[in-house]
Amino acid sequence: MSLPVPSASHSPVRNAPDKLATHLVAALLAFLFLVLSLPAHAAPPPAAPNPSFPVGTLMAFPTIVQTGTKPTLVWSTNLPPGTNTGDYTFFIRQIQHPSGVIYQIPVEGSGETLSPIPINPGFATFELWTVKATQPIRSFLLDFTTVGSYMPTAQVRITSQDPYSVVPRTRADRPFSVQVTVNGLISDPQAPEASKSVTLMRHTQAYGATGTGDPLDRTLATLHSQSSITENGTTDTVVPLNEIPGENRAKIRGEERFSIFTKAGTSIDYASGIPYPIPAYHLDSQLVQIWPVADASITGITQGQILGTTVPQLTFQLNDLYPSSTTWAQVYQGAPQPGLTGTT
């Protein structure tokens, strides 16, 4: 963007234009230091809202249920800033296992209800969907969870230095923390494999040079690592830096997703005594968005340049500003003073 700077005749120091000019360059160059070192001091509104896609959460209670039970479903959604809520419709899909029977009901953007049909015979997956009704028409799978007998529970929570509540996010040079909680695992050797351990998977995916995460085919994410969890409890891990692919690590933009899946195995329909296969099912996941480090430049003036009573037009080029942040330039008399609080 281009920001014209007032001439010295409009400066608060009207009787000292030469002294103001002497220090103007140093003060403006100090602005660059502020932009690059203080993530809280960053940008005009970003080119695209963050997140630029709808997000949501879906939970089922209880998560360990017997045949014939209807669990309670609780869900909420967040749409991109500036979105007309009437442009989206929502529904919950229930998929019975192992029969494959599918039932779905329309819902509001948030709420609570019993599952459409009872769990039968062993467990079910619930999916929260939204459909954007305006052009281009698109559907989004916002969240999903699985409940059933002999089914462990799991929760993934990601936090960073950014308190933004809609979706975890941080800068490419900053750490983030992953908390994983697992309950309901049992050690009975006769129990199905799915009830004795779960798998933690870590996927990474780059957005590209200017991407915002929408549109994005998340089935193309790269599996970075996976590990088995065999004990109940909570583990906290600090991830010092992201692992999203890219040569310039300061300019990484993309996302990492941490997911918990059950183990594949077999179970028995106690009504008939017939065993049936159990594939691996998703229990919980969360993603963290990674945004590049900002950089900036000032043109129209050079270090040591002597100015008269008229200051030339200065152009401030600001790149990769952090979402939802604010950036400003400071012009003042004297030597550079990083962190100085001014007025607008």
C-alpha atoms as a PDB file:
ATOM      1  CA  MET A   1       0.000   0.000   0.000  1.00  0.00           C
ATOM      2  CA  SER A   2       1.080   3.630  -0.495  1.00  0.00           C
ATOM      3  CA  LEU A   3       0.915   5.996   2.469  1.00  0.00           C
ATOM      4  CA  PRO A   4       1.526   9.705   1.766  1.00  0.00           C
ATOM      5  CA  VAL A   5       3.373  11.324   4.675  1.00  0.00           C
ATOM      6  CA  PRO A   6       2.394  14.945   5.609  1.00  0.00           C
ATOM      7  CA  SER A   7       4.843  17.675   4.699  1.00  0.00           C
ATOM      8  CA  ALA A   8       6.978  19.277   7.392  1.00  0.00           C
ATOM      9  CA  SER A   9       4.673  22.306   7.428  1.00  0.00           C
ATOM     10  CA  HIS A  10       2.000  20.007   8.907  1.00  0.00           C
ATOM     11  CA  SER A  11       4.378  18.384  11.344  1.00  0.00           C
ATOM     12  CA  PRO A  12       3.988  18.925  15.101  1.00  0.00           C
ATOM     13  CA  VAL A  13       7.547  20.373  14.985  1.00  0.00           C
ATOM     14  CA  ARG A  14       6.879  23.281  12.602  1.00  0.00           C
ATOM     15  CA  ASN A  15       9.890  25.359  13.577  1.00  0.00           C
ATOM     16  CA  ALA A  16      12.442  22.599  13.089  1.00  0.00           C
ATOM     17  CA  PRO A  17      11.909  21.004   9.641  1.00  0.00           C
ATOM     18  CA  ASP A  18      15.610  20.248   9.162  1.00  0.00           C
ATOM     19  CA  LYS A  19      15.895  18.473  12.512  1.00  0.00           C
ATOM     20  CA  LEU A  20      12.757  16.478  11.737  1.00  0.00           C
ATOM     21  CA  ALA A  21      14.133  15.526   8.315  1.00  0.00           C
ATOM     22  CA  THR A  22      17.433  14.437   9.834  1.00  0.00           C
ATOM     23  CA  HIS A  23      15.731  11.790  11.964  1.00  0.00           C
ATOM     24  CA  LEU A  24      12.791  10.920   9.718  1.00  0.00           C
ATOM     25  CA  VAL A  25      14.627   8.176   7.829  1.00  0.00           C
ATOM     26  CA  ALA A  26      15.860   6.465  10.984  1.00  0.00           C
ATOM     27  CA  ALA A  27      12.397   6.559  12.510  1.00  0.00           C
ATOM     28  CA  LEU A  28      10.797   5.041   9.423  1.00  0.00           C
ATOM     29  CA  LEU A  29      13.419   2.319   9.188  1.00  0.00           C
ATOM     30  CA  ALA A  30      12.702   1.485  12.822  1.00  0.00           C
ATOM     31  CA  PHE A  31       9.189   0.663  11.646  1.00  0.00           C
ATOM     32  CA  LEU A  32      10.590  -2.322   9.740  1.00  0.00           C
ATOM     33  CA  PHE A  33      12.045  -3.705  12.952  1.00  0.00           C
ATOM     34  CA  LEU A  34       8.652  -3.391  14.630  1.00  0.00           C
ATOM     35  CA  VAL A  35       6.782  -5.168  11.828  1.00  0.00           C
ATOM     36  CA  LEU A  36       9.166  -8.099  11.709  1.00  0.00           C
ATOM     37  CA  SER A  37       9.690  -8.629  15.429  1.00  0.00           C
ATOM     38  CA  LEU A  38       6.240  -8.126  16.943  1.00  0.00           C
ATOM     39  CA  PRO A  39       3.618 -10.617  15.687  1.00  0.00           C
ATOM     40  CA  ALA A  40       0.873  -8.809  17.565  1.00  0.00           C
ATOM     41  CA  HIS A  41       1.600  -5.692  15.501  1.00  0.00           C
ATOM     42  CA  ALA A  42       0.776  -6.884  12.056  1.00  0.00           C
ATOM     43  CA  ALA A  43      -1.774  -6.031   9.264  1.00  0.00           C
ATOM     44  CA  PRO A  44      -4.575  -4.378   7.452  1.00  0.00           C
ATOM     45  CA  PRO A  45      -7.335  -6.956   6.853  1.00  0.00           C
ATOM     46  CA  PRO A  46      -5.833 -10.015   5.096  1.00  0.00           C
ATOM     47  CA  ALA A  47      -6.703 -10.744   1.473  1.00  0.00           C
ATOM     48  CA  ALA A  48      -8.925 -13.623   2.608  1.00  0.00           C
ATOM     49  CA  PRO A  49     -10.688 -14.144   5.959  1.00  0.00           C
ATOM     50  CA  ASN A  50      -9.153 -16.598   8.393  1.00  0.00           C
ATOM     51  CA  PRO A  51     -10.340 -19.245   8.353  1.00  0.00           C
ATOM     52  CA  SER A  52     -11.684 -18.869   4.804  1.00  0.00           C
ATOM     53  CA  PHE A  53     -13.700 -22.083   5.150  1.00  0.00           C
ATOM     54  CA  PRO A  54     -16.421 -23.229   7.607  1.00  0.00           C
ATOM     55  CA  VAL A  55     -15.334 -25.199  10.675  1.00  0.00           C
ATOM     56  CA  GLY A  56     -17.278 -27.132  13.272  1.00  0.00           C
ATOM     57  CA  THR A  57     -17.184 -29.637  16.115  1.00  0.00           C
ATOM     58  CA  LEU A  58     -19.360 -32.682  16.807  1.00  0.00           C
ATOM     59  CA  MET A  59     -19.395 -34.719  20.016  1.00  0.00           C
ATOM     60  CA  ALA A  60     -21.419 -37.744  21.114  1.00  0.00           C
ATOM     61  CA  PHE A  61     -22.249 -38.743  24.709  1.00  0.00           C
ATOM     62  CA  PRO A  62     -21.720 -41.346  25.961  1.00  0.00           C
ATOM     63  CA  THR A  63     -19.028 -42.599  23.620  1.00  0.00           C
ATOM     64  CA  ILE A  64     -19.201 -46.157  24.912  1.00  0.00           C
ATOM     65  CA  VAL A  65     -22.744 -47.404  24.245  1.00  0.00           C
ATOM     66  CA  GLN A  66     -24.500 -50.755  23.960  1.00  0.00           C
ATOM     67  CA  THR A  67     -26.715 -51.983  21.151  1.00  0.00           C
ATOM     68  CA  GLY A  68     -30.086 -50.208  21.118  1.00  0.00           C
ATOM     69  CA  THR A  69     -28.787 -46.994  22.701  1.00  0.00           C
ATOM     70  CA  LYS A  70     -29.246 -43.503  21.210  1.00  0.00           C
ATOM     71  CA  PRO A  71     -26.301 -41.267  22.176  1.00  0.00           C
ATOM     72  CA  THR A  72     -26.723 -37.507  22.548  1.00  0.00           C
ATOM     73  CA  LEU A  73     -25.124 -35.417  19.805  1.00  0.00           C
ATOM     74  CA  VAL A  74     -23.816 -31.888  20.489  1.00  0.00           C
ATOM     75  CA  TRP A  75     -22.398 -29.697  17.716  1.00  0.00           C
ATOM     76  CA  SER A  76     -21.418 -26.125  16.809  1.00  0.00           C
ATOM     77  CA  THR A  77     -20.146 -24.383  13.667  1.00  0.00           C
ATOM     78  CA  ASN A  78     -18.316 -21.222  12.622  1.00  0.00           C
ATOM     79  CA  LEU A  79     -18.647 -19.720   9.147  1.00  0.00           C
ATOM     80  CA  PRO A  80     -16.121 -17.437   7.393  1.00  0.00           C
ATOM     81  CA  PRO A  81     -16.326 -13.751   8.455  1.00  0.00           C
ATOM     82  CA  GLY A  82     -18.920 -11.784   6.520  1.00  0.00           C
ATOM     83  CA  THR A  83     -20.843 -14.914   5.516  1.00  0.00           C
ATOM     84  CA  ASN A  84     -24.632 -14.869   5.234  1.00  0.00           C
ATOM     85  CA  THR A  85     -25.762 -17.776   7.434  1.00  0.00           C
ATOM     86  CA  GLY A  86     -28.702 -18.343   5.092  1.00  0.00           C
ATOM     87  CA  ASP A  87     -26.238 -19.431   2.412  1.00  0.00           C
ATOM     88  CA  TYR A  88     -25.416 -22.641   4.332  1.00  0.00           C
ATOM     89  CA  THR A  89     -27.467 -25.672   5.329  1.00  0.00           C
ATOM     90  CA  PHE A  90     -26.355 -28.299   7.862  1.00  0.00           C
ATOM     91  CA  PHE A  91     -27.035 -31.976   8.428  1.00  0.00           C
ATOM     92  CA  ILE A  92     -25.760 -34.876  10.573  1.00  0.00           C
ATOM     93  CA  ARG A  93     -25.187 -38.262   8.961  1.00  0.00           C
ATOM     94  CA  GLN A  94     -25.216 -41.493  10.985  1.00  0.00           C
ATOM     95  CA  ILE A  95     -23.488 -44.549   9.508  1.00  0.00           C
ATOM     96  CA  GLN A  96     -24.167 -47.900  11.211  1.00  0.00           C
ATOM     97  CA  HIS A  97     -21.404 -50.523  11.364  1.00  0.00           C
ATOM     98  CA  PRO A  98     -21.006 -53.123  10.062  1.00  0.00           C
ATOM     99  CA  SER A  99     -24.323 -52.962   8.157  1.00  0.00           C
ATOM    100  CA  GLY A 100     -23.468 -49.700   6.390  1.00  0.00           C
ATOM    101  CA  VAL A 101     -26.985 -48.325   6.898  1.00  0.00           C
ATOM    102  CA  ILE A 102     -26.980 -44.520   6.541  1.00  0.00           C
ATOM    103  CA  TYR A 103     -29.478 -42.097   8.065  1.00  0.00           C
ATOM    104  CA  GLN A 104     -29.245 -38.308   8.098  1.00  0.00           C
ATOM    105  CA  ILE A 105     -31.209 -35.416   9.569  1.00  0.00           C
ATOM    106  CA  PRO A 106     -31.164 -31.649   8.862  1.00  0.00           C
ATOM    107  CA  VAL A 107     -29.962 -29.514  11.789  1.00  0.00           C
ATOM    108  CA  GLU A 108     -29.227 -25.896  12.666  1.00  0.00           C
ATOM    109  CA  GLY A 109     -25.701 -24.478  12.862  1.00  0.00           C
ATOM    110  CA  SER A 110     -25.463 -25.533  16.515  1.00  0.00           C
ATOM    111  CA  GLY A 111     -27.536 -27.601  18.889  1.00  0.00           C
ATOM    112  CA  GLU A 112     -28.138 -30.882  20.710  1.00  0.00           C
ATOM    113  CA  THR A 113     -30.239 -33.922  19.837  1.00  0.00           C
ATOM    114  CA  LEU A 114     -30.445 -37.698  20.210  1.00  0.00           C
ATOM    115  CA  SER A 115     -28.990 -39.739  17.368  1.00  0.00           C
ATOM    116  CA  PRO A 116     -31.445 -40.388  14.514  1.00  0.00           C
ATOM    117  CA  ILE A 117     -31.519 -44.165  15.126  1.00  0.00           C
ATOM    118  CA  PRO A 118     -30.195 -46.477  17.914  1.00  0.00           C
ATOM    119  CA  ILE A 119     -26.723 -47.996  17.689  1.00  0.00           C
ATOM    120  CA  ASN A 120     -27.171 -51.419  16.087  1.00  0.00           C
ATOM    121  CA  PRO A 121     -25.412 -53.795  16.211  1.00  0.00           C
ATOM    122  CA  GLY A 122     -22.066 -52.541  17.476  1.00  0.00           C
ATOM    123  CA  PHE A 123     -21.133 -48.921  16.741  1.00  0.00           C
ATOM    124  CA  ALA A 124     -21.760 -45.935  14.481  1.00  0.00           C
ATOM    125  CA  THR A 125     -19.973 -42.975  12.915  1.00  0.00           C
ATOM    126  CA  PHE A 126     -21.557 -39.525  13.052  1.00  0.00           C
ATOM    127  CA  GLU A 127     -20.596 -36.826  10.528  1.00  0.00           C
ATOM    128  CA  LEU A 128     -21.375 -33.103  10.666  1.00  0.00           C
ATOM    129  CA  TRP A 129     -21.789 -31.578   7.179  1.00  0.00           C
ATOM    130  CA  THR A 130     -22.570 -28.165   5.752  1.00  0.00           C
ATOM    131  CA  VAL A 131     -23.535 -27.288   2.175  1.00  0.00           C
ATOM    132  CA  LYS A 132     -22.938 -23.847   0.663  1.00  0.00           C
ATOM    133  CA  ALA A 133     -26.078 -23.210  -1.386  1.00  0.00           C
ATOM    134  CA  THR A 134     -24.762 -20.253  -3.411  1.00  0.00           C
ATOM    135  CA  GLN A 135     -22.490 -20.566  -6.425  1.00  0.00           C
ATOM    136  CA  PRO A 136     -20.179 -22.325  -6.507  1.00  0.00           C
ATOM    137  CA  ILE A 137     -22.152 -24.956  -4.570  1.00  0.00           C
ATOM    138  CA  ARG A 138     -19.836 -26.903  -2.254  1.00  0.00           C
ATOM    139  CA  SER A 139     -20.123 -29.334   0.654  1.00  0.00           C
ATOM    140  CA  PHE A 140     -17.838 -29.494   3.696  1.00  0.00           C
ATOM    141  CA  LEU A 141     -17.329 -32.335   6.171  1.00  0.00           C
ATOM    142  CA  LEU A 142     -16.794 -30.310   9.356  1.00  0.00           C
ATOM    143  CA  ASP A 143     -16.222 -33.020  11.937  1.00  0.00           C
ATOM    144  CA  PHE A 144     -16.988 -36.653  12.730  1.00  0.00           C
ATOM    145  CA  THR A 145     -16.775 -39.097  15.616  1.00  0.00           C
ATOM    146  CA  THR A 146     -17.397 -42.786  16.278  1.00  0.00           C
ATOM    147  CA  VAL A 147     -19.180 -44.401  19.238  1.00  0.00           C
ATOM    148  CA  GLY A 148     -19.980 -47.981  20.187  1.00  0.00           C
ATOM    149  CA  SER A 149     -19.406 -50.838  22.606  1.00  0.00           C
ATOM    150  CA  TYR A 150     -15.778 -51.516  23.554  1.00  0.00           C
ATOM    151  CA  MET A 151     -14.857 -48.209  21.950  1.00  0.00           C
ATOM    152  CA  PRO A 152     -12.194 -46.004  23.566  1.00  0.00           C
ATOM    153  CA  THR A 153     -12.555 -42.239  23.680  1.00  0.00           C
ATOM    154  CA  ALA A 154      -9.965 -39.724  22.500  1.00  0.00           C
ATOM    155  CA  GLN A 155      -9.548 -35.975  22.315  1.00  0.00           C
ATOM    156  CA  VAL A 156      -6.934 -33.843  20.523  1.00  0.00           C
ATOM    157  CA  ARG A 157      -6.414 -30.201  21.500  1.00  0.00           C
ATOM    158  CA  ILE A 158      -3.870 -27.843  19.927  1.00  0.00           C
ATOM    159  CA  THR A 159      -2.842 -24.516  21.467  1.00  0.00           C
ATOM    160  CA  SER A 160      -0.381 -21.799  20.471  1.00  0.00           C
ATOM    161  CA  GLN A 161       0.656 -18.294  21.499  1.00  0.00           C
ATOM    162  CA  ASP A 162      -2.270 -16.986  19.436  1.00  0.00           C
ATOM    163  CA  PRO A 163      -5.511 -17.039  21.502  1.00  0.00           C
ATOM    164  CA  TYR A 164      -7.773 -17.101  18.396  1.00  0.00           C
ATOM    165  CA  SER A 165     -10.628 -19.444  19.318  1.00  0.00           C
ATOM    166  CA  VAL A 166     -12.136 -20.501  15.974  1.00  0.00           C
ATOM    167  CA  VAL A 167      -9.188 -22.589  14.751  1.00  0.00           C
ATOM    168  CA  PRO A 168      -5.671 -22.984  16.222  1.00  0.00           C
ATOM    169  CA  ARG A 169      -3.083 -20.959  14.305  1.00  0.00           C
ATOM    170  CA  THR A 170       0.466 -19.694  14.712  1.00  0.00           C
ATOM    171  CA  ARG A 171       3.430 -18.256  12.817  1.00  0.00           C
ATOM    172  CA  ALA A 172       5.989 -20.303  10.887  1.00  0.00           C
ATOM    173  CA  ASP A 173       8.746 -19.555  13.406  1.00  0.00           C
ATOM    174  CA  ARG A 174       6.688 -20.256  16.546  1.00  0.00           C
ATOM    175  CA  PRO A 175       5.980 -23.465  18.513  1.00  0.00           C
ATOM    176  CA  PHE A 176       2.608 -25.006  19.287  1.00  0.00           C
ATOM    177  CA  SER A 177       1.418 -27.629  21.777  1.00  0.00           C
ATOM    178  CA  VAL A 178      -0.567 -30.814  21.201  1.00  0.00           C
ATOM    179  CA  GLN A 179      -2.539 -32.436  24.021  1.00  0.00           C
ATOM    180  CA  VAL A 180      -3.869 -35.965  23.504  1.00  0.00           C
ATOM    181  CA  THR A 181      -6.271 -37.597  25.980  1.00  0.00           C
ATOM    182  CA  VAL A 182      -7.273 -41.265  25.677  1.00  0.00           C
ATOM    183  CA  ASN A 183      -9.696 -43.147  27.922  1.00  0.00           C
ATOM    184  CA  GLY A 184     -11.496 -46.478  27.791  1.00  0.00           C
ATOM    185  CA  LEU A 185      -8.583 -48.636  26.654  1.00  0.00           C
ATOM    186  CA  ILE A 186      -8.659 -52.081  28.273  1.00  0.00           C
ATOM    187  CA  SER A 187      -6.011 -54.777  28.668  1.00  0.00           C
ATOM    188  CA  ASP A 188      -8.320 -57.810  28.399  1.00  0.00           C
ATOM    189  CA  PRO A 189      -6.642 -60.108  25.825  1.00  0.00           C
ATOM    190  CA  GLN A 190     -10.092 -61.325  24.726  1.00  0.00           C
ATOM    191  CA  ALA A 191     -11.278 -57.795  23.912  1.00  0.00           C
ATOM    192  CA  PRO A 192     -11.317 -56.540  20.313  1.00  0.00           C
ATOM    193  CA  GLU A 193      -8.066 -54.956  19.116  1.00  0.00           C
ATOM    194  CA  ALA A 194      -9.892 -51.642  18.691  1.00  0.00           C
ATOM    195  CA  SER A 195     -10.464 -51.440  22.456  1.00  0.00           C
ATOM    196  CA  LYS A 196      -6.828 -52.063  23.469  1.00  0.00           C
ATOM    197  CA  SER A 197      -4.890 -49.350  21.575  1.00  0.00           C
ATOM    198  CA  VAL A 198      -5.312 -46.365  19.255  1.00  0.00           C
ATOM    199  CA  THR A 199      -3.125 -44.739  16.600  1.00  0.00           C
ATOM    200  CA  LEU A 200      -1.999 -41.101  16.607  1.00  0.00           C
ATOM    201  CA  MET A 201      -1.318 -39.730  13.104  1.00  0.00           C
ATOM    202  CA  ARG A 202       0.322 -36.454  12.113  1.00  0.00           C
ATOM    203  CA  HIS A 203      -0.354 -35.061   8.622  1.00  0.00           C
ATOM    204  CA  THR A 204       1.098 -31.949   6.966  1.00  0.00           C
ATOM    205  CA  GLN A 205      -0.125 -29.981   3.963  1.00  0.00           C
ATOM    206  CA  ALA A 206       1.134 -26.800   2.309  1.00  0.00           C
ATOM    207  CA  TYR A 207      -1.281 -24.116   1.079  1.00  0.00           C
ATOM    208  CA  GLY A 208       1.031 -22.831  -1.667  1.00  0.00           C
ATOM    209  CA  ALA A 209       2.565 -19.377  -2.084  1.00  0.00           C
ATOM    210  CA  THR A 210      -0.681 -17.433  -1.512  1.00  0.00           C
ATOM    211  CA  GLY A 211      -3.135 -20.102  -0.337  1.00  0.00           C
ATOM    212  CA  THR A 212      -5.599 -19.703   2.536  1.00  0.00           C
ATOM    213  CA  GLY A 213      -6.704 -23.314   3.047  1.00  0.00           C
ATOM    214  CA  ASP A 214      -9.742 -23.041   0.789  1.00  0.00           C
ATOM    215  CA  PRO A 215     -10.126 -24.724  -1.594  1.00  0.00           C
ATOM    216  CA  LEU A 216      -7.956 -27.599  -0.374  1.00  0.00           C
ATOM    217  CA  ASP A 217      -8.198 -31.348  -0.911  1.00  0.00           C
ATOM    218  CA  ARG A 218      -7.211 -32.609   2.531  1.00  0.00           C
ATOM    219  CA  THR A 219      -7.091 -36.211   1.341  1.00  0.00           C
ATOM    220  CA  LEU A 220      -3.789 -35.229  -0.306  1.00  0.00           C
ATOM    221  CA  ALA A 221      -2.095 -34.378   2.997  1.00  0.00           C
ATOM    222  CA  THR A 222       1.225 -36.108   3.679  1.00  0.00           C
ATOM    223  CA  LEU A 223       1.497 -38.560   6.581  1.00  0.00           C
ATOM    224  CA  HIS A 224       4.471 -37.275   8.558  1.00  0.00           C
ATOM    225  CA  SER A 225       4.447 -39.786  11.428  1.00  0.00           C
ATOM    226  CA  GLN A 226       2.275 -42.175  13.425  1.00  0.00           C
ATOM    227  CA  SER A 227       2.520 -43.903  16.792  1.00  0.00           C
ATOM    228  CA  SER A 228       0.521 -46.341  18.894  1.00  0.00           C
ATOM    229  CA  ILE A 229      -1.047 -45.415  22.250  1.00  0.00           C
ATOM    230  CA  THR A 230      -1.759 -48.326  24.580  1.00  0.00           C
ATOM    231  CA  GLU A 231      -2.375 -46.566  27.907  1.00  0.00           C
ATOM    232  CA  ASN A 232      -5.125 -44.283  29.145  1.00  0.00           C
ATOM    233  CA  GLY A 233      -4.231 -40.742  30.156  1.00  0.00           C
ATOM    234  CA  THR A 234      -3.174 -37.349  28.842  1.00  0.00           C
ATOM    235  CA  THR A 235       0.092 -36.484  27.112  1.00  0.00           C
ATOM    236  CA  ASP A 236       1.299 -32.980  26.271  1.00  0.00           C
ATOM    237  CA  THR A 237       3.839 -32.397  23.496  1.00  0.00           C
ATOM    238  CA  VAL A 238       5.481 -29.116  22.485  1.00  0.00           C
ATOM    239  CA  VAL A 239       6.193 -28.966  18.753  1.00  0.00           C
ATOM    240  CA  PRO A 240       9.061 -26.461  18.376  1.00  0.00           C
ATOM    241  CA  LEU A 241       8.597 -25.926  14.629  1.00  0.00           C
ATOM    242  CA  ASN A 242       6.166 -27.125  11.996  1.00  0.00           C
ATOM    243  CA  GLU A 243       7.085 -29.818   9.446  1.00  0.00           C
ATOM    244  CA  ILE A 244       5.152 -28.441   6.455  1.00  0.00           C
ATOM    245  CA  PRO A 245       7.232 -28.826   3.251  1.00  0.00           C
ATOM    246  CA  GLY A 246       8.980 -25.714   1.922  1.00  0.00           C
ATOM    247  CA  GLU A 247      12.506 -24.427   1.336  1.00  0.00           C
ATOM    248  CA  ASN A 248      12.093 -20.979   2.907  1.00  0.00           C
ATOM    249  CA  ARG A 249      11.030 -21.908   6.443  1.00  0.00           C
ATOM    250  CA  ALA A 250      10.040 -18.328   7.293  1.00  0.00           C
ATOM    251  CA  LYS A 251       7.500 -18.311   4.445  1.00  0.00           C
ATOM    252  CA  ILE A 252       5.718 -21.590   5.196  1.00  0.00           C
ATOM    253  CA  ARG A 253       1.927 -21.483   4.989  1.00  0.00           C
ATOM    254  CA  GLY A 254      -0.245 -24.534   5.449  1.00  0.00           C
ATOM    255  CA  GLU A 255      -1.619 -26.770   8.179  1.00  0.00           C
ATOM    256  CA  GLU A 256      -0.796 -29.727  10.379  1.00  0.00           C
ATOM    257  CA  ARG A 257      -3.474 -32.173  11.507  1.00  0.00           C
ATOM    258  CA  PHE A 258      -3.229 -34.573  14.466  1.00  0.00           C
ATOM    259  CA  SER A 259      -5.760 -37.438  14.436  1.00  0.00           C
ATOM    260  CA  ILE A 260      -6.647 -40.407  16.630  1.00  0.00           C
ATOM    261  CA  PHE A 261      -7.889 -43.627  14.981  1.00  0.00           C
ATOM    262  CA  THR A 262      -8.960 -46.950  16.433  1.00  0.00           C
ATOM    263  CA  LYS A 263      -7.117 -50.128  15.515  1.00  0.00           C
ATOM    264  CA  ALA A 264      -8.622 -52.421  12.907  1.00  0.00           C
ATOM    265  CA  GLY A 265      -9.821 -55.775  14.258  1.00  0.00           C
ATOM    266  CA  THR A 266     -12.901 -57.960  14.733  1.00  0.00           C
ATOM    267  CA  SER A 267     -15.863 -57.985  17.102  1.00  0.00           C
ATOM    268  CA  ILE A 268     -18.825 -60.258  17.776  1.00  0.00           C
ATOM    269  CA  ASP A 269     -22.516 -59.568  17.355  1.00  0.00           C
ATOM    270  CA  TYR A 270     -23.713 -60.889  20.709  1.00  0.00           C
ATOM    271  CA  ALA A 271     -27.247 -61.410  19.411  1.00  0.00           C
ATOM    272  CA  SER A 272     -26.117 -63.869  16.727  1.00  0.00           C
ATOM    273  CA  GLY A 273     -22.619 -64.792  17.917  1.00  0.00           C
ATOM    274  CA  ILE A 274     -21.267 -64.028  14.446  1.00  0.00           C
ATOM    275  CA  PRO A 275     -17.922 -62.157  14.261  1.00  0.00           C
ATOM    276  CA  TYR A 276     -17.619 -59.162  11.958  1.00  0.00           C
ATOM    277  CA  PRO A 277     -14.608 -57.046  10.870  1.00  0.00           C
ATOM    278  CA  ILE A 278     -13.937 -53.647  12.366  1.00  0.00           C
ATOM    279  CA  PRO A 279     -11.867 -51.266  10.228  1.00  0.00           C
ATOM    280  CA  ALA A 280      -9.928 -48.370  11.763  1.00  0.00           C
ATOM    281  CA  TYR A 281     -12.251 -45.494  12.661  1.00  0.00           C
ATOM    282  CA  HIS A 282     -11.607 -41.858  13.373  1.00  0.00           C
ATOM    283  CA  LEU A 283     -12.128 -40.780  16.995  1.00  0.00           C
ATOM    284  CA  ASP A 284     -10.953 -37.151  17.006  1.00  0.00           C
ATOM    285  CA  SER A 285      -8.613 -34.709  15.265  1.00  0.00           C
ATOM    286  CA  GLN A 286      -7.618 -31.071  15.169  1.00  0.00           C
ATOM    287  CA  LEU A 287      -5.597 -28.945  12.789  1.00  0.00           C
ATOM    288  CA  VAL A 288      -3.346 -25.939  13.334  1.00  0.00           C
ATOM    289  CA  GLN A 289      -2.832 -23.344  10.616  1.00  0.00           C
ATOM    290  CA  ILE A 290       0.701 -22.074   9.999  1.00  0.00           C
ATOM    291  CA  TRP A 291       1.204 -18.575   8.563  1.00  0.00           C
ATOM    292  CA  PRO A 292       4.445 -17.015   7.195  1.00  0.00           C
ATOM    293  CA  VAL A 293       6.626 -14.444   8.936  1.00  0.00           C
ATOM    294  CA  ALA A 294       5.898 -10.916   7.697  1.00  0.00           C
ATOM    295  CA  ASP A 295       8.417  -8.770   5.874  1.00  0.00           C
ATOM    296  CA  ALA A 296       8.288  -5.119   4.789  1.00  0.00           C
ATOM    297  CA  SER A 297      10.126  -2.405   2.897  1.00  0.00           C
ATOM    298  CA  ILE A 298       9.970   1.386   2.499  1.00  0.00           C
ATOM    299  CA  THR A 299      10.707   3.093  -0.824  1.00  0.00           C
ATOM    300  CA  GLY A 300      10.824   6.761  -1.729  1.00  0.00           C
ATOM    301  CA  ILE A 301      13.538   7.636   0.782  1.00  0.00           C
ATOM    302  CA  THR A 302      17.072   6.446   1.590  1.00  0.00           C
ATOM    303  CA  GLN A 303      19.166   6.309   4.730  1.00  0.00           C
ATOM    304  CA  GLY A 304      20.892   9.659   5.298  1.00  0.00           C
ATOM    305  CA  GLN A 305      18.814  11.538   2.726  1.00  0.00           C
ATOM    306  CA  ILE A 306      18.484  15.279   3.498  1.00  0.00           C
ATOM    307  CA  LEU A 307      14.930  16.577   3.118  1.00  0.00           C
ATOM    308  CA  GLY A 308      13.603  20.083   2.797  1.00  0.00           C
ATOM    309  CA  THR A 309      10.183  21.326   3.778  1.00  0.00           C
ATOM    310  CA  THR A 310       8.413  18.774   1.547  1.00  0.00           C
ATOM    311  CA  VAL A 311       8.612  15.078   2.279  1.00  0.00           C
ATOM    312  CA  PRO A 312       8.304  12.810  -0.783  1.00  0.00           C
ATOM    313  CA  GLN A 313       5.594  10.197  -1.059  1.00  0.00           C
ATOM    314  CA  LEU A 314       6.720   7.035   0.719  1.00  0.00           C
ATOM    315  CA  THR A 315       5.542   3.533  -0.205  1.00  0.00           C
ATOM    316  CA  PHE A 316       5.293   0.874   2.460  1.00  0.00           C
ATOM    317  CA  GLN A 317       5.311  -2.663   1.012  1.00  0.00           C
ATOM    318  CA  LEU A 318       3.925  -5.111   3.577  1.00  0.00           C
ATOM    319  CA  ASN A 319       4.009  -8.846   2.825  1.00  0.00           C
ATOM    320  CA  ASP A 320       2.482 -11.867   4.552  1.00  0.00           C
ATOM    321  CA  LEU A 321       0.877  -9.963   7.408  1.00  0.00           C
ATOM    322  CA  TYR A 322      -0.539 -12.176  10.150  1.00  0.00           C
ATOM    323  CA  PRO A 323      -4.349 -12.689   9.959  1.00  0.00           C
ATOM    324  CA  SER A 324      -6.599 -10.383  11.981  1.00  0.00           C
ATOM    325  CA  SER A 325      -3.659  -8.243  13.101  1.00  0.00           C
ATOM    326  CA  THR A 326      -2.928  -4.494  12.893  1.00  0.00           C
ATOM    327  CA  THR A 327       0.084  -2.698  11.419  1.00  0.00           C
ATOM    328  CA  TRP A 328       1.167   0.925  11.759  1.00  0.00           C
ATOM    329  CA  ALA A 329       4.111   3.141  10.910  1.00  0.00           C
ATOM    330  CA  GLN A 330       5.539   5.683  13.345  1.00  0.00           C
ATOM    331  CA  VAL A 331       7.034   9.030  12.388  1.00  0.00           C
ATOM    332  CA  TYR A 332       8.590  11.096  15.170  1.00  0.00           C
ATOM    333  CA  GLN A 333      11.487  13.374  15.979  1.00  0.00           C
ATOM    334  CA  GLY A 334      14.728  11.968  17.338  1.00  0.00           C
ATOM    335  CA  ALA A 335      16.551   8.654  17.299  1.00  0.00           C
ATOM    336  CA  PRO A 336      14.703   5.349  16.698  1.00  0.00           C
ATOM    337  CA  GLN A 337      12.673   4.234  19.719  1.00  0.00           C
ATOM    338  CA  PRO A 338      11.388   0.647  19.173  1.00  0.00           C
ATOM    339  CA  GLY A 339       8.202  -0.016  21.125  1.00  0.00           C
ATOM    340  CA  LEU A 340       7.268   3.670  21.453  1.00  0.00           C
ATOM    341  CA  THR A 341       3.539   4.227  21.992  1.00  0.00           C
ATOM    342  CA  GLY A 342       2.238   6.956  19.717  1.00  0.00           C
ATOM    343  CA  THR A 343      -1.028   8.495  18.573  1.00  0.00           C
ATOM    344  CA  THR A 344      -2.961   8.145  15.331  1.00  0.00           C
END
